[in-house]
Amino acid sequence: MGTNIITVDKAVALIKNNKFTGQVKVDFKNQKVDALDAILLGKNGIEVPEEIIEYDDDKIDFSDIPEISEKDILDGKIKWTVNADIPLDKEVTDWLMKENININEFAAKLIRNFYENIKSLPKNAAL
C-alpha cells in the first residue's frame, strides 16, 4: 500500500486532535509554514524544510511571560551570562578534558574568587 500524502494544514489538524499516526507524508508544495506549526510537526517526526518556515512575532502570545524587573536581577533570579573565546593551549585543554571539568563553571568560579579577593584588598594596596 502506498504512502498517504496530506497537506500541512491536515497534518497540523490531526496532531492537534490527537489523531496523527505518522503513517503519512506531508506535501509542503513550497508553501510557507508557521514556526509554531513547524515545531508541532517536528515534535511528531515531520521535518519541515528550514527555508519554508515563517516566523511572525505578532502571532505569538507572550502574555504568560512575566516582565523582567530590576528586583529579579538584584535577587539573582535572573543571571547574566557572558560568552567569551578563551584561547587555551593543548596542555590545559587536555587537563580540562581529563579531569572532566566544565569550563563554564570553572571560569565562573575563578572570576568570582578573583573578584572577591580583589574586593578584600585594601584600597591603597599596589597590584
Protein backbone atom coordinates (compact mmCIF):
# COMPACT_ATOMS: atom_id res chain seq x y z
CA MET A 1 0.00 0.00 0.00
CA GLY A 2 1.31 3.49 -0.93
CA THR A 3 2.07 6.29 1.47
CA ASN A 4 -0.84 8.63 2.14
CA ILE A 5 0.10 12.23 1.25
CA ILE A 6 -1.59 15.04 3.16
CA THR A 7 -1.31 18.81 3.40
CA VAL A 8 0.41 20.74 6.17
CA ASP A 9 -2.94 22.01 7.44
CA LYS A 10 -4.34 18.47 7.57
CA ALA A 11 -1.27 17.19 9.44
CA VAL A 12 -1.47 20.02 11.99
CA ALA A 13 -5.21 19.39 12.47
CA LEU A 14 -4.62 15.65 13.01
CA ILE A 15 -1.87 16.35 15.55
CA LYS A 16 -3.98 18.88 17.44
CA ASN A 17 -6.86 16.37 17.59
CA ASN A 18 -4.57 13.51 18.71
CA LYS A 19 -5.39 11.56 15.54
CA PHE A 20 -1.98 11.72 13.87
CA THR A 21 -0.46 8.28 13.27
CA GLY A 22 2.76 9.20 11.49
CA GLN A 23 1.95 6.85 8.62
CA VAL A 24 1.63 9.75 6.20
CA LYS A 25 3.83 12.01 4.15
CA VAL A 26 3.31 15.77 4.25
CA ASP A 27 3.37 17.61 0.93
CA PHE A 28 4.78 21.07 1.57
CA LYS A 29 4.38 22.35 -2.03
CA ASN A 30 6.90 25.08 -1.17
CA GLN A 31 4.28 26.83 0.94
CA LYS A 32 5.29 28.83 3.99
CA VAL A 33 4.80 27.04 7.34
CA ASP A 34 4.25 29.00 10.53
CA ALA A 35 7.11 28.49 13.02
CA LEU A 36 4.77 27.18 15.73
CA ASP A 37 3.30 24.67 13.29
CA ALA A 38 6.82 23.66 12.22
CA ILE A 39 7.68 22.96 15.86
CA LEU A 40 4.50 20.92 16.30
CA LEU A 41 5.22 18.95 13.13
CA GLY A 42 8.85 18.40 14.18
CA LYS A 43 7.80 17.03 17.56
CA ASN A 44 5.73 14.48 15.66
CA GLY A 45 8.51 13.33 13.36
CA ILE A 46 7.80 15.53 10.35
CA GLU A 47 10.86 17.51 9.31
CA VAL A 48 9.95 20.88 7.84
CA PRO A 49 12.48 22.35 5.39
CA GLU A 50 14.06 25.38 7.07
CA GLU A 51 13.64 27.64 4.06
CA ILE A 52 9.84 27.45 4.20
CA ILE A 53 9.45 28.19 7.92
CA GLU A 54 7.81 31.57 8.51
CA TYR A 55 8.23 33.39 11.81
CA ASP A 56 5.91 36.20 12.96
CA ASP A 57 6.24 37.69 16.47
CA ASP A 58 2.73 39.12 16.20
CA LYS A 59 1.23 35.62 16.11
CA ILE A 60 2.89 34.55 19.36
CA ASP A 61 1.14 35.14 22.68
CA PHE A 62 3.76 36.40 25.11
CA SER A 63 1.22 37.30 27.81
CA ASP A 64 2.28 34.45 30.10
CA ILE A 65 5.93 35.57 30.09
CA PRO A 66 6.46 37.96 33.01
CA GLU A 67 8.42 41.16 32.57
CA ILE A 68 11.97 41.12 33.94
CA SER A 69 12.32 43.56 36.79
CA GLU A 70 15.35 45.13 38.48
CA LYS A 71 14.38 43.07 41.57
CA ASP A 72 14.76 39.83 39.56
CA ILE A 73 18.33 40.82 38.72
CA LEU A 74 19.20 42.01 42.23
CA ASP A 75 17.71 38.88 43.84
CA GLY A 76 19.67 36.64 41.48
CA LYS A 77 16.53 35.23 39.85
CA ILE A 78 17.97 36.39 36.53
CA LYS A 79 21.65 35.80 35.88
CA TRP A 80 23.67 37.47 33.16
CA THR A 81 25.89 35.23 31.09
CA VAL A 82 28.92 36.16 29.04
CA ASN A 83 30.21 34.18 26.09
CA ALA A 84 33.94 34.53 25.58
CA ASP A 85 36.52 32.99 23.30
CA ILE A 86 39.41 31.99 25.54
CA PRO A 87 42.42 30.56 23.71
CA LEU A 88 43.85 27.61 25.63
CA ASP A 89 46.94 25.63 24.79
CA LYS A 90 46.73 21.87 24.29
CA GLU A 91 48.16 21.02 27.71
CA VAL A 92 45.40 22.96 29.50
CA THR A 93 42.69 21.63 27.19
CA ASP A 94 43.88 18.06 27.76
CA TRP A 95 43.86 18.61 31.53
CA LEU A 96 40.32 20.04 31.48
CA MET A 97 39.09 17.07 29.45
CA LYS A 98 40.97 14.51 31.58
CA GLU A 99 39.56 15.97 34.78
CA ASN A 100 36.09 16.31 33.22
CA ILE A 101 35.93 20.00 34.19
CA ASN A 102 33.03 22.09 32.96
CA ILE A 103 34.88 25.12 31.59
CA ASN A 104 31.89 27.45 32.08
CA GLU A 105 31.50 26.59 35.76
CA PHE A 106 35.27 26.64 36.27
CA ALA A 107 35.67 30.09 34.68
CA ALA A 108 32.70 31.48 36.64
CA LYS A 109 34.22 30.27 39.93
CA LEU A 110 37.66 31.63 39.04
CA ILE A 111 36.23 35.04 38.18
CA ARG A 112 34.10 35.08 41.36
CA ASN A 113 37.11 34.17 43.53
CA PHE A 114 39.29 36.76 41.80
CA TYR A 115 36.60 39.40 42.29
CA GLU A 116 36.20 38.56 46.00
CA ASN A 117 39.97 38.66 46.55
CA ILE A 118 40.34 42.00 44.79
CA LYS A 119 37.45 43.42 46.83
CA SER A 120 39.10 42.30 50.06
CA LEU A 121 42.38 44.08 49.33
CA PRO A 122 42.92 47.45 51.00
CA LYS A 123 42.09 50.31 48.64
CA ASN A 124 45.67 51.60 48.66
CA ALA A 125 47.35 48.24 48.06
CA ALA A 126 49.50 48.06 44.97
CA LEU A 127 48.55 45.38 42.45
